[in-house]
Amino acid sequence: MKTFTLGTSLLILVIVLVTYCLEAEAQVCRPSGNIRGRKPPPGKCNQENNSDCCVEGKLYPIYRCSPTVSSNTKAVLTLNSFQAGGDGGGPSECDNQYHSDDTPVVALSTGWYGKGRRCLNDIVISANGRSVRAKVVDECDSTMGCDGDHDYQPPCNNNIVDASKAVWEALGVSRDNWGEMDITWSDG
C-alpha cells in the first residue's frame, strides 16, 4: 500500500510540475533573432541618461513580443528624455511631438506598444511604494537599433518601460538611483 501511495504522489507531483512549466512557457517571449552592432559615427550616439551605444560586431537580441500584460506586469523602468535633442532621438511615434521631461510619459517595448494600440493612453506604474500615471507616447523599439533612426543605441529588451524624469520623480526615486529599476505596470 505504501508503494501505491508513493507512486500516486510522484505522479501527481510530475503532473503539477509539467502543468507549471507549460504555463510558465506560455508567458515567455523568446528572441526573434539578432542584429549586429555598428560603430556610431562620431558624436551620433547621445549618451544622455547613460544610454548605451552600439558596439561594432556585437550581437543584440531582437524581440517582436513582450511578456503577457496583467494587472501587475513586471518590467524594467529605464530613463529617457523625450525632449528635442534628448537621448530619445526624434519626436514620439504616437503624436510626432516632443514632450517635456517634466511630463510623465513613457515608451513601451515593441510587444507592449502593440503597433500603437496603447498610444496616448495612460498606464499605471508602481514601485518604491508609490504609483504614477504616465501617458504612452512612443515605442522602445525591440526589433531594430544600432542605426541613425535609433540614435545608434541597441534595441530595447522586451520588458522595458522607458520613462521621463517626471515618472522617476513621482516614484520618489533619488536621482543617484535613476537609470534602471524593477517595477510593475498595468493599463490605466
N, C-alpha and C. Protein backbone atom coordinates (compact mmCIF):
# COMPACT_ATOMS: atom_id res chain seq x y z
N MET A 1 0.82 -1.19 0.00
CA MET A 1 0.00 0.00 0.00
C MET A 1 0.86 1.26 0.00
N LYS A 2 2.01 1.26 0.69
CA LYS A 2 2.89 2.42 0.71
C LYS A 2 3.43 2.72 -0.68
N THR A 3 3.76 1.70 -1.46
CA THR A 3 4.27 1.90 -2.81
C THR A 3 3.23 2.60 -3.68
N PHE A 4 1.98 2.18 -3.57
CA PHE A 4 0.90 2.79 -4.35
C PHE A 4 0.76 4.26 -3.97
N THR A 5 0.79 4.58 -2.71
CA THR A 5 0.67 5.96 -2.25
C THR A 5 1.86 6.78 -2.71
N LEU A 6 3.06 6.24 -2.62
CA LEU A 6 4.26 6.93 -3.07
C LEU A 6 4.21 7.14 -4.58
N GLY A 7 3.82 6.11 -5.32
CA GLY A 7 3.70 6.21 -6.77
C GLY A 7 2.67 7.24 -7.18
N THR A 8 1.53 7.24 -6.52
CA THR A 8 0.48 8.21 -6.81
C THR A 8 0.96 9.62 -6.50
N SER A 9 1.64 9.79 -5.39
CA SER A 9 2.17 11.10 -5.02
C SER A 9 3.18 11.60 -6.05
N LEU A 10 4.04 10.71 -6.52
CA LEU A 10 5.03 11.10 -7.53
C LEU A 10 4.34 11.48 -8.85
N LEU A 11 3.32 10.73 -9.23
CA LEU A 11 2.59 11.04 -10.45
C LEU A 11 1.93 12.41 -10.35
N ILE A 12 1.31 12.68 -9.23
CA ILE A 12 0.67 13.99 -9.03
C ILE A 12 1.72 15.10 -9.08
N LEU A 13 2.85 14.88 -8.45
CA LEU A 13 3.93 15.86 -8.46
C LEU A 13 4.41 16.13 -9.89
N VAL A 14 4.58 15.08 -10.68
CA VAL A 14 5.02 15.24 -12.07
C VAL A 14 3.99 16.03 -12.87
N ILE A 15 2.70 15.71 -12.69
CA ILE A 15 1.64 16.43 -13.40
C ILE A 15 1.65 17.91 -13.03
N VAL A 16 1.79 18.20 -11.74
CA VAL A 16 1.82 19.60 -11.29
C VAL A 16 3.02 20.33 -11.89
N LEU A 17 4.20 19.70 -11.88
CA LEU A 17 5.39 20.33 -12.43
C LEU A 17 5.27 20.57 -13.93
N VAL A 18 4.75 19.61 -14.66
CA VAL A 18 4.58 19.77 -16.11
C VAL A 18 3.59 20.89 -16.40
N THR A 19 2.49 20.93 -15.67
CA THR A 19 1.48 21.99 -15.85
C THR A 19 2.10 23.35 -15.56
N TYR A 20 2.85 23.46 -14.48
CA TYR A 20 3.51 24.72 -14.12
C TYR A 20 4.48 25.15 -15.21
N CYS A 21 5.28 24.22 -15.70
CA CYS A 21 6.27 24.55 -16.74
C CYS A 21 5.58 24.99 -18.02
N LEU A 22 4.49 24.35 -18.40
CA LEU A 22 3.76 24.74 -19.61
C LEU A 22 3.16 26.12 -19.46
N GLU A 23 2.61 26.44 -18.28
CA GLU A 23 2.06 27.78 -18.05
C GLU A 23 3.16 28.83 -18.09
N ALA A 24 4.28 28.53 -17.47
CA ALA A 24 5.40 29.47 -17.47
C ALA A 24 5.94 29.65 -18.89
N GLU A 25 5.98 28.58 -19.66
CA GLU A 25 6.47 28.63 -21.03
C GLU A 25 5.59 29.54 -21.89
N ALA A 26 4.29 29.50 -21.66
CA ALA A 26 3.36 30.30 -22.45
C ALA A 26 3.58 31.79 -22.23
N GLN A 27 4.16 32.19 -21.10
CA GLN A 27 4.37 33.59 -20.79
C GLN A 27 5.75 34.09 -21.22
N VAL A 28 6.58 33.21 -21.75
CA VAL A 28 7.94 33.56 -22.13
C VAL A 28 7.94 34.16 -23.54
N CYS A 29 8.71 35.18 -23.71
CA CYS A 29 8.89 35.80 -25.02
C CYS A 29 10.35 35.61 -25.39
N ARG A 30 10.57 34.80 -26.38
CA ARG A 30 11.94 34.47 -26.78
C ARG A 30 12.43 35.44 -27.88
N PRO A 31 13.76 35.61 -27.99
CA PRO A 31 14.29 36.47 -29.05
C PRO A 31 13.81 36.01 -30.44
N SER A 32 13.59 36.99 -31.31
CA SER A 32 13.16 36.71 -32.68
C SER A 32 14.35 36.65 -33.63
N GLY A 33 15.52 36.95 -33.14
CA GLY A 33 16.73 36.97 -33.95
C GLY A 33 17.74 37.90 -33.31
N ASN A 34 18.71 38.34 -34.10
CA ASN A 34 19.77 39.24 -33.62
C ASN A 34 20.08 40.27 -34.69
N ILE A 35 20.61 41.39 -34.25
CA ILE A 35 21.22 42.34 -35.18
C ILE A 35 22.65 42.56 -34.74
N ARG A 36 23.50 42.85 -35.69
CA ARG A 36 24.92 43.08 -35.40
C ARG A 36 25.15 44.58 -35.22
N GLY A 37 25.82 44.91 -34.12
CA GLY A 37 26.10 46.30 -33.82
C GLY A 37 27.01 46.95 -34.83
N ARG A 38 26.77 48.23 -35.04
CA ARG A 38 27.64 49.05 -35.89
C ARG A 38 28.16 50.20 -35.05
N LYS A 39 29.40 50.55 -35.29
CA LYS A 39 30.01 51.66 -34.55
C LYS A 39 29.33 52.96 -34.95
N PRO A 40 28.87 53.74 -33.96
CA PRO A 40 28.24 55.02 -34.29
C PRO A 40 29.25 56.00 -34.89
N PRO A 41 28.81 56.80 -35.85
CA PRO A 41 29.70 57.88 -36.31
C PRO A 41 30.00 58.82 -35.15
N PRO A 42 31.12 59.51 -35.19
CA PRO A 42 31.48 60.42 -34.08
C PRO A 42 30.34 61.40 -33.75
N GLY A 43 30.00 61.46 -32.46
CA GLY A 43 29.00 62.39 -31.97
C GLY A 43 27.56 62.02 -32.30
N LYS A 44 27.31 60.83 -32.81
CA LYS A 44 25.95 60.46 -33.24
C LYS A 44 25.19 59.60 -32.24
N CYS A 45 25.81 59.15 -31.17
CA CYS A 45 25.09 58.38 -30.14
C CYS A 45 24.99 59.25 -28.90
N ASN A 46 23.78 59.71 -28.62
CA ASN A 46 23.53 60.59 -27.47
C ASN A 46 23.53 59.74 -26.20
N GLN A 47 24.48 59.98 -25.31
CA GLN A 47 24.59 59.19 -24.09
C GLN A 47 24.00 59.88 -22.87
N GLU A 48 23.12 60.86 -23.11
CA GLU A 48 22.38 61.47 -22.01
C GLU A 48 21.69 60.34 -21.25
N ASN A 49 21.58 60.45 -19.96
CA ASN A 49 20.94 59.44 -19.11
C ASN A 49 21.66 58.09 -19.17
N ASN A 50 22.97 58.12 -19.47
CA ASN A 50 23.80 56.91 -19.53
C ASN A 50 23.31 55.89 -20.55
N SER A 51 22.74 56.36 -21.65
CA SER A 51 22.29 55.46 -22.71
C SER A 51 23.48 54.71 -23.30
N ASP A 52 23.26 53.45 -23.66
CA ASP A 52 24.30 52.63 -24.29
C ASP A 52 24.40 52.98 -25.76
N CYS A 53 25.61 52.89 -26.30
CA CYS A 53 25.84 53.00 -27.73
C CYS A 53 26.18 51.61 -28.25
N CYS A 54 25.79 51.33 -29.48
CA CYS A 54 26.09 50.02 -30.07
C CYS A 54 27.59 49.80 -30.16
N VAL A 55 27.97 48.54 -30.03
CA VAL A 55 29.37 48.14 -30.13
C VAL A 55 29.55 47.39 -31.44
N GLU A 56 30.55 47.81 -32.21
CA GLU A 56 30.84 47.20 -33.51
C GLU A 56 30.95 45.67 -33.38
N GLY A 57 30.15 44.95 -34.16
CA GLY A 57 30.22 43.49 -34.23
C GLY A 57 29.45 42.74 -33.16
N LYS A 58 29.05 43.40 -32.09
CA LYS A 58 28.31 42.72 -31.02
C LYS A 58 26.92 42.33 -31.51
N LEU A 59 26.46 41.12 -31.14
CA LEU A 59 25.11 40.69 -31.49
C LEU A 59 24.13 41.11 -30.41
N TYR A 60 23.05 41.75 -30.83
CA TYR A 60 22.00 42.20 -29.92
C TYR A 60 20.71 41.44 -30.24
N PRO A 61 20.07 40.83 -29.22
CA PRO A 61 18.81 40.13 -29.49
C PRO A 61 17.71 41.12 -29.85
N ILE A 62 16.80 40.68 -30.71
CA ILE A 62 15.62 41.47 -31.03
C ILE A 62 14.39 40.67 -30.63
N TYR A 63 13.30 41.37 -30.32
CA TYR A 63 12.05 40.75 -29.86
C TYR A 63 10.88 41.38 -30.60
N ARG A 64 9.96 40.56 -31.07
CA ARG A 64 8.72 41.05 -31.65
C ARG A 64 7.59 40.97 -30.61
N CYS A 65 7.89 40.36 -29.47
CA CYS A 65 6.88 40.15 -28.43
C CYS A 65 7.39 40.70 -27.10
N SER A 66 6.48 40.79 -26.15
CA SER A 66 6.79 41.16 -24.77
C SER A 66 6.04 40.20 -23.86
N PRO A 67 6.43 40.09 -22.59
CA PRO A 67 5.67 39.23 -21.67
C PRO A 67 4.20 39.62 -21.62
N THR A 68 3.37 38.69 -21.24
CA THR A 68 1.93 38.91 -21.15
C THR A 68 1.60 40.04 -20.18
N VAL A 69 0.69 40.91 -20.58
CA VAL A 69 0.26 42.02 -19.73
C VAL A 69 -0.80 41.53 -18.76
N SER A 70 -0.66 41.93 -17.51
CA SER A 70 -1.63 41.58 -16.47
C SER A 70 -1.94 42.84 -15.66
N SER A 71 -2.61 42.68 -14.55
CA SER A 71 -2.88 43.83 -13.70
C SER A 71 -1.65 44.22 -12.88
N ASN A 72 -0.59 43.44 -13.01
CA ASN A 72 0.64 43.66 -12.24
C ASN A 72 1.84 43.18 -13.07
N THR A 73 2.02 43.73 -14.27
CA THR A 73 3.04 43.28 -15.20
C THR A 73 4.43 43.70 -14.73
N LYS A 74 5.33 42.75 -14.61
CA LYS A 74 6.71 43.06 -14.21
C LYS A 74 7.46 43.64 -15.40
N ALA A 75 8.28 44.65 -15.12
CA ALA A 75 9.05 45.32 -16.16
C ALA A 75 10.28 45.98 -15.56
N VAL A 76 11.11 46.51 -16.43
CA VAL A 76 12.27 47.29 -16.02
C VAL A 76 12.04 48.73 -16.47
N LEU A 77 12.08 49.64 -15.52
CA LEU A 77 11.94 51.07 -15.81
C LEU A 77 13.31 51.60 -16.20
N THR A 78 13.37 52.30 -17.32
CA THR A 78 14.60 52.96 -17.74
C THR A 78 14.32 54.44 -17.90
N LEU A 79 15.38 55.22 -18.01
CA LEU A 79 15.29 56.67 -18.07
C LEU A 79 15.50 57.15 -19.51
N ASN A 80 14.64 58.05 -19.96
CA ASN A 80 14.71 58.55 -21.33
C ASN A 80 14.29 60.02 -21.35
N SER A 81 14.88 60.77 -22.24
CA SER A 81 14.44 62.14 -22.47
C SER A 81 13.63 62.18 -23.76
N PHE A 82 12.43 62.70 -23.67
CA PHE A 82 11.54 62.81 -24.82
C PHE A 82 11.57 64.22 -25.42
N GLN A 83 12.48 65.06 -24.92
CA GLN A 83 12.61 66.44 -25.38
C GLN A 83 13.43 66.49 -26.67
N ALA A 84 13.27 67.56 -27.44
CA ALA A 84 14.10 67.76 -28.63
C ALA A 84 15.57 67.77 -28.22
N GLY A 85 16.39 67.00 -28.92
CA GLY A 85 17.81 66.91 -28.60
C GLY A 85 18.12 65.90 -27.51
N GLY A 86 17.10 65.28 -26.91
CA GLY A 86 17.32 64.29 -25.85
C GLY A 86 17.73 62.94 -26.41
N ASP A 87 18.07 62.03 -25.52
CA ASP A 87 18.55 60.71 -25.94
C ASP A 87 17.44 59.83 -26.53
N GLY A 88 16.19 60.30 -26.51
CA GLY A 88 15.10 59.55 -27.12
C GLY A 88 15.10 59.64 -28.64
N GLY A 89 15.94 60.49 -29.20
CA GLY A 89 16.00 60.62 -30.65
C GLY A 89 14.96 61.59 -31.17
N GLY A 90 14.23 61.17 -32.20
CA GLY A 90 13.26 62.04 -32.85
C GLY A 90 11.99 62.21 -32.05
N PRO A 91 11.00 62.86 -32.66
CA PRO A 91 9.72 63.05 -31.98
C PRO A 91 9.05 61.72 -31.67
N SER A 92 8.16 61.71 -30.70
CA SER A 92 7.47 60.49 -30.28
C SER A 92 6.61 59.94 -31.42
N GLU A 93 6.55 58.64 -31.48
CA GLU A 93 5.85 57.97 -32.57
C GLU A 93 4.34 58.16 -32.54
N CYS A 94 3.76 58.27 -31.35
CA CYS A 94 2.29 58.36 -31.25
C CYS A 94 1.73 59.66 -31.78
N ASP A 95 2.44 60.77 -31.56
CA ASP A 95 1.88 62.06 -31.93
C ASP A 95 2.85 62.96 -32.69
N ASN A 96 4.03 62.42 -33.04
CA ASN A 96 5.04 63.17 -33.78
C ASN A 96 5.43 64.47 -33.06
N GLN A 97 5.40 64.42 -31.72
CA GLN A 97 5.73 65.59 -30.90
C GLN A 97 6.87 65.24 -29.94
N TYR A 98 7.56 66.26 -29.46
CA TYR A 98 8.49 66.10 -28.35
C TYR A 98 7.70 66.37 -27.08
N HIS A 99 8.19 65.84 -25.95
CA HIS A 99 7.49 66.01 -24.67
C HIS A 99 8.49 66.44 -23.61
N SER A 100 8.07 67.32 -22.75
CA SER A 100 8.91 67.82 -21.67
C SER A 100 9.29 66.69 -20.71
N ASP A 101 10.51 66.74 -20.21
CA ASP A 101 10.95 65.78 -19.20
C ASP A 101 10.16 65.94 -17.90
N ASP A 102 9.44 67.06 -17.76
CA ASP A 102 8.64 67.32 -16.58
C ASP A 102 7.23 66.73 -16.69
N THR A 103 6.94 66.04 -17.80
CA THR A 103 5.65 65.41 -18.02
C THR A 103 5.82 63.90 -17.91
N PRO A 104 4.93 63.20 -17.17
CA PRO A 104 5.06 61.74 -17.05
C PRO A 104 4.63 61.02 -18.33
N VAL A 105 5.63 60.71 -19.16
CA VAL A 105 5.40 59.99 -20.42
C VAL A 105 6.34 58.80 -20.51
N VAL A 106 5.95 57.81 -21.32
CA VAL A 106 6.75 56.60 -21.46
C VAL A 106 6.75 56.09 -22.89
N ALA A 107 7.75 55.26 -23.16
CA ALA A 107 7.82 54.44 -24.37
C ALA A 107 7.79 52.99 -23.89
N LEU A 108 7.04 52.14 -24.59
CA LEU A 108 6.94 50.73 -24.22
C LEU A 108 7.67 49.86 -25.23
N SER A 109 8.23 48.74 -24.76
CA SER A 109 8.83 47.76 -25.66
C SER A 109 7.84 47.39 -26.76
N THR A 110 8.36 46.97 -27.90
CA THR A 110 7.57 46.71 -29.10
C THR A 110 6.32 45.88 -28.86
N GLY A 111 6.44 44.77 -28.16
CA GLY A 111 5.27 43.91 -27.94
C GLY A 111 4.18 44.60 -27.15
N TRP A 112 4.54 45.34 -26.12
CA TRP A 112 3.57 46.07 -25.30
C TRP A 112 3.01 47.28 -26.04
N TYR A 113 3.84 47.91 -26.88
CA TYR A 113 3.41 49.06 -27.66
C TYR A 113 2.30 48.63 -28.64
N GLY A 114 2.41 47.40 -29.12
CA GLY A 114 1.34 46.80 -29.93
C GLY A 114 0.95 47.59 -31.15
N LYS A 115 1.95 48.01 -31.96
CA LYS A 115 1.68 48.77 -33.19
C LYS A 115 0.85 50.02 -32.91
N GLY A 116 1.03 50.59 -31.73
CA GLY A 116 0.39 51.85 -31.39
C GLY A 116 -0.96 51.74 -30.69
N ARG A 117 -1.39 50.53 -30.35
CA ARG A 117 -2.73 50.42 -29.75
C ARG A 117 -2.80 51.03 -28.35
N ARG A 118 -1.66 51.26 -27.69
CA ARG A 118 -1.66 51.94 -26.38
C ARG A 118 -1.32 53.43 -26.51
N CYS A 119 -1.14 53.91 -27.73
CA CYS A 119 -0.78 55.30 -27.95
C CYS A 119 -1.73 56.26 -27.25
N LEU A 120 -1.13 57.21 -26.54
CA LEU A 120 -1.81 58.30 -25.85
C LEU A 120 -2.74 57.82 -24.75
N ASN A 121 -2.67 56.54 -24.38
CA ASN A 121 -3.39 56.01 -23.22
C ASN A 121 -2.46 56.05 -22.02
N ASP A 122 -3.05 56.13 -20.84
CA ASP A 122 -2.27 56.10 -19.60
C ASP A 122 -2.02 54.66 -19.17
N ILE A 123 -0.86 54.47 -18.55
CA ILE A 123 -0.58 53.25 -17.81
C ILE A 123 -0.28 53.67 -16.38
N VAL A 124 -0.40 52.73 -15.45
CA VAL A 124 -0.09 52.99 -14.05
C VAL A 124 1.18 52.22 -13.71
N ILE A 125 2.19 52.95 -13.25
CA ILE A 125 3.48 52.36 -12.91
C ILE A 125 3.61 52.37 -11.39
N SER A 126 4.00 51.22 -10.83
CA SER A 126 4.14 51.10 -9.37
C SER A 126 5.53 50.61 -9.01
N ALA A 127 6.11 51.27 -8.01
CA ALA A 127 7.41 50.88 -7.48
C ALA A 127 7.70 51.75 -6.28
N ASN A 128 8.59 51.30 -5.45
CA ASN A 128 9.06 52.14 -4.35
C ASN A 128 7.92 52.57 -3.42
N GLY A 129 6.85 51.75 -3.36
CA GLY A 129 5.71 52.07 -2.51
C GLY A 129 4.80 53.16 -3.05
N ARG A 130 4.99 53.55 -4.32
CA ARG A 130 4.20 54.62 -4.93
C ARG A 130 3.69 54.18 -6.30
N SER A 131 2.76 54.96 -6.83
CA SER A 131 2.25 54.74 -8.19
C SER A 131 2.16 56.07 -8.91
N VAL A 132 2.28 56.00 -10.24
CA VAL A 132 2.15 57.20 -11.07
C VAL A 132 1.48 56.81 -12.39
N ARG A 133 0.63 57.71 -12.88
CA ARG A 133 0.03 57.54 -14.21
C ARG A 133 0.95 58.22 -15.21
N ALA A 134 1.19 57.54 -16.33
CA ALA A 134 2.03 58.12 -17.39
C ALA A 134 1.40 57.81 -18.74
N LYS A 135 1.54 58.74 -19.66
CA LYS A 135 0.97 58.60 -20.99
C LYS A 135 1.97 57.88 -21.91
N VAL A 136 1.48 56.90 -22.66
CA VAL A 136 2.30 56.20 -23.65
C VAL A 136 2.39 57.09 -24.88
N VAL A 137 3.62 57.51 -25.23
CA VAL A 137 3.80 58.38 -26.38
C VAL A 137 4.74 57.80 -27.44
N ASP A 138 5.39 56.66 -27.12
CA ASP A 138 6.41 56.17 -28.05
C ASP A 138 6.63 54.68 -27.86
N GLU A 139 7.35 54.12 -28.81
CA GLU A 139 7.78 52.71 -28.77
C GLU A 139 9.25 52.68 -28.42
N CYS A 140 9.61 51.79 -27.52
CA CYS A 140 11.02 51.49 -27.25
C CYS A 140 11.32 50.27 -28.13
N ASP A 141 11.85 50.52 -29.30
CA ASP A 141 11.94 49.52 -30.36
C ASP A 141 12.79 48.31 -29.95
N SER A 142 12.15 47.16 -29.92
CA SER A 142 12.81 45.90 -29.56
C SER A 142 13.23 45.12 -30.80
N THR A 143 12.93 45.66 -32.00
CA THR A 143 13.19 44.92 -33.24
C THR A 143 14.33 45.51 -34.06
N MET A 144 14.69 46.74 -33.76
CA MET A 144 15.73 47.42 -34.55
C MET A 144 16.59 48.28 -33.62
N GLY A 145 17.74 48.69 -34.14
CA GLY A 145 18.64 49.55 -33.39
C GLY A 145 19.97 49.67 -34.11
N CYS A 146 20.91 50.33 -33.47
CA CYS A 146 22.27 50.50 -33.99
C CYS A 146 22.30 51.23 -35.33
N ASP A 147 21.33 52.14 -35.53
CA ASP A 147 21.30 52.94 -36.75
C ASP A 147 20.89 54.37 -36.39
N GLY A 148 20.94 55.24 -37.37
CA GLY A 148 20.63 56.65 -37.13
C GLY A 148 19.23 56.88 -36.61
N ASP A 149 18.26 56.10 -37.09
CA ASP A 149 16.87 56.25 -36.62
C ASP A 149 16.73 55.93 -35.14
N HIS A 150 17.64 55.13 -34.60
CA HIS A 150 17.58 54.70 -33.20
C HIS A 150 18.75 55.25 -32.40
N ASP A 151 19.30 56.38 -32.88
CA ASP A 151 20.36 57.10 -32.18
C ASP A 151 21.58 56.22 -31.90
N TYR A 152 21.80 55.20 -32.74
CA TYR A 152 22.92 54.26 -32.62
C TYR A 152 22.93 53.57 -31.26
N GLN A 153 21.73 53.37 -30.72
CA GLN A 153 21.57 52.62 -29.47
C GLN A 153 21.06 51.22 -29.80
N PRO A 154 21.37 50.23 -28.94
CA PRO A 154 20.89 48.87 -29.18
C PRO A 154 19.37 48.78 -29.09
N PRO A 155 18.79 47.71 -29.63
CA PRO A 155 17.35 47.51 -29.46
C PRO A 155 17.00 47.40 -27.98
N CYS A 156 15.79 47.79 -27.63
CA CYS A 156 15.32 47.64 -26.25
C CYS A 156 15.08 46.17 -25.95
N ASN A 157 15.20 45.81 -24.70
CA ASN A 157 14.75 44.48 -24.28
C ASN A 157 13.23 44.43 -24.41
N ASN A 158 12.66 43.27 -24.22
CA ASN A 158 11.22 43.09 -24.43
C ASN A 158 10.38 43.47 -23.21
N ASN A 159 11.00 43.94 -22.14
CA ASN A 159 10.29 44.22 -20.89
C ASN A 159 10.57 45.62 -20.36
N ILE A 160 10.66 46.59 -21.27
CA ILE A 160 11.08 47.95 -20.90
C ILE A 160 9.91 48.92 -20.87
N VAL A 161 9.87 49.73 -19.81
CA VAL A 161 9.05 50.93 -19.75
C VAL A 161 10.07 52.07 -19.63
N ASP A 162 10.26 52.77 -20.74
CA ASP A 162 11.26 53.84 -20.84
C ASP A 162 10.57 55.14 -20.44
N ALA A 163 10.99 55.75 -19.34
CA ALA A 163 10.20 56.82 -18.73
C ALA A 163 10.95 58.15 -18.63
N SER A 164 10.17 59.21 -18.67
CA SER A 164 10.70 60.57 -18.47
C SER A 164 11.12 60.76 -17.01
N LYS A 165 11.87 61.82 -16.78
CA LYS A 165 12.32 62.16 -15.43
C LYS A 165 11.14 62.36 -14.49
N ALA A 166 10.03 62.88 -14.99
CA ALA A 166 8.85 63.12 -14.15
C ALA A 166 8.33 61.83 -13.52
N VAL A 167 8.44 60.72 -14.24
CA VAL A 167 7.99 59.44 -13.69
C VAL A 167 8.89 59.03 -12.54
N TRP A 168 10.20 59.14 -12.73
CA TRP A 168 11.15 58.79 -11.68
C TRP A 168 10.92 59.65 -10.43
N GLU A 169 10.68 60.93 -10.65
CA GLU A 169 10.43 61.82 -9.51
C GLU A 169 9.15 61.44 -8.79
N ALA A 170 8.09 61.14 -9.53
CA ALA A 170 6.80 60.78 -8.92
C ALA A 170 6.91 59.49 -8.11
N LEU A 171 7.82 58.60 -8.51
CA LEU A 171 8.02 57.35 -7.77
C LEU A 171 8.94 57.55 -6.56
N GLY A 172 9.43 58.76 -6.37
CA GLY A 172 10.24 59.07 -5.20
C GLY A 172 11.62 58.45 -5.22
N VAL A 173 12.16 58.23 -6.42
CA VAL A 173 13.49 57.63 -6.55
C VAL A 173 14.53 58.75 -6.53
N SER A 174 15.53 58.64 -5.67
CA SER A 174 16.57 59.66 -5.61
C SER A 174 17.36 59.65 -6.92
N ARG A 175 17.78 60.83 -7.35
CA ARG A 175 18.46 60.97 -8.66
C ARG A 175 19.67 60.06 -8.81
N ASP A 176 20.38 59.81 -7.73
CA ASP A 176 21.56 58.94 -7.85
C ASP A 176 21.18 57.48 -8.09
N ASN A 177 19.89 57.15 -8.02
CA ASN A 177 19.43 55.78 -8.31
C ASN A 177 18.64 55.70 -9.63
N TRP A 178 18.58 56.79 -10.38
CA TRP A 178 17.90 56.78 -11.67
C TRP A 178 18.70 55.96 -12.67
N GLY A 179 18.03 55.27 -13.55
CA GLY A 179 18.69 54.50 -14.61
C GLY A 179 17.91 53.26 -14.96
N GLU A 180 17.88 52.30 -14.06
CA GLU A 180 17.10 51.06 -14.23
C GLU A 180 16.54 50.64 -12.89
N MET A 181 15.29 50.19 -12.92
CA MET A 181 14.64 49.75 -11.68
C MET A 181 13.51 48.79 -12.02
N ASP A 182 13.36 47.76 -11.20
CA ASP A 182 12.26 46.83 -11.37
C ASP A 182 10.95 47.50 -10.93
N ILE A 183 9.92 47.34 -11.75
CA ILE A 183 8.60 47.94 -11.48
C ILE A 183 7.51 46.95 -11.84
N THR A 184 6.28 47.35 -11.59
CA THR A 184 5.13 46.69 -12.20
C THR A 184 4.30 47.79 -12.86
N TRP A 185 3.52 47.38 -13.85
CA TRP A 185 2.65 48.36 -14.52
C TRP A 185 1.38 47.67 -14.97
N SER A 186 0.38 48.48 -15.25
CA SER A 186 -0.89 47.97 -15.78
C SER A 186 -1.51 49.05 -16.65
N ASP A 187 -2.44 48.65 -17.49
CA ASP A 187 -3.16 49.63 -18.29
C ASP A 187 -3.96 50.52 -17.35
N GLY A 188 -3.99 51.81 -17.64
CA GLY A 188 -4.65 52.78 -16.77
C GLY A 188 -6.11 52.85 -17.03
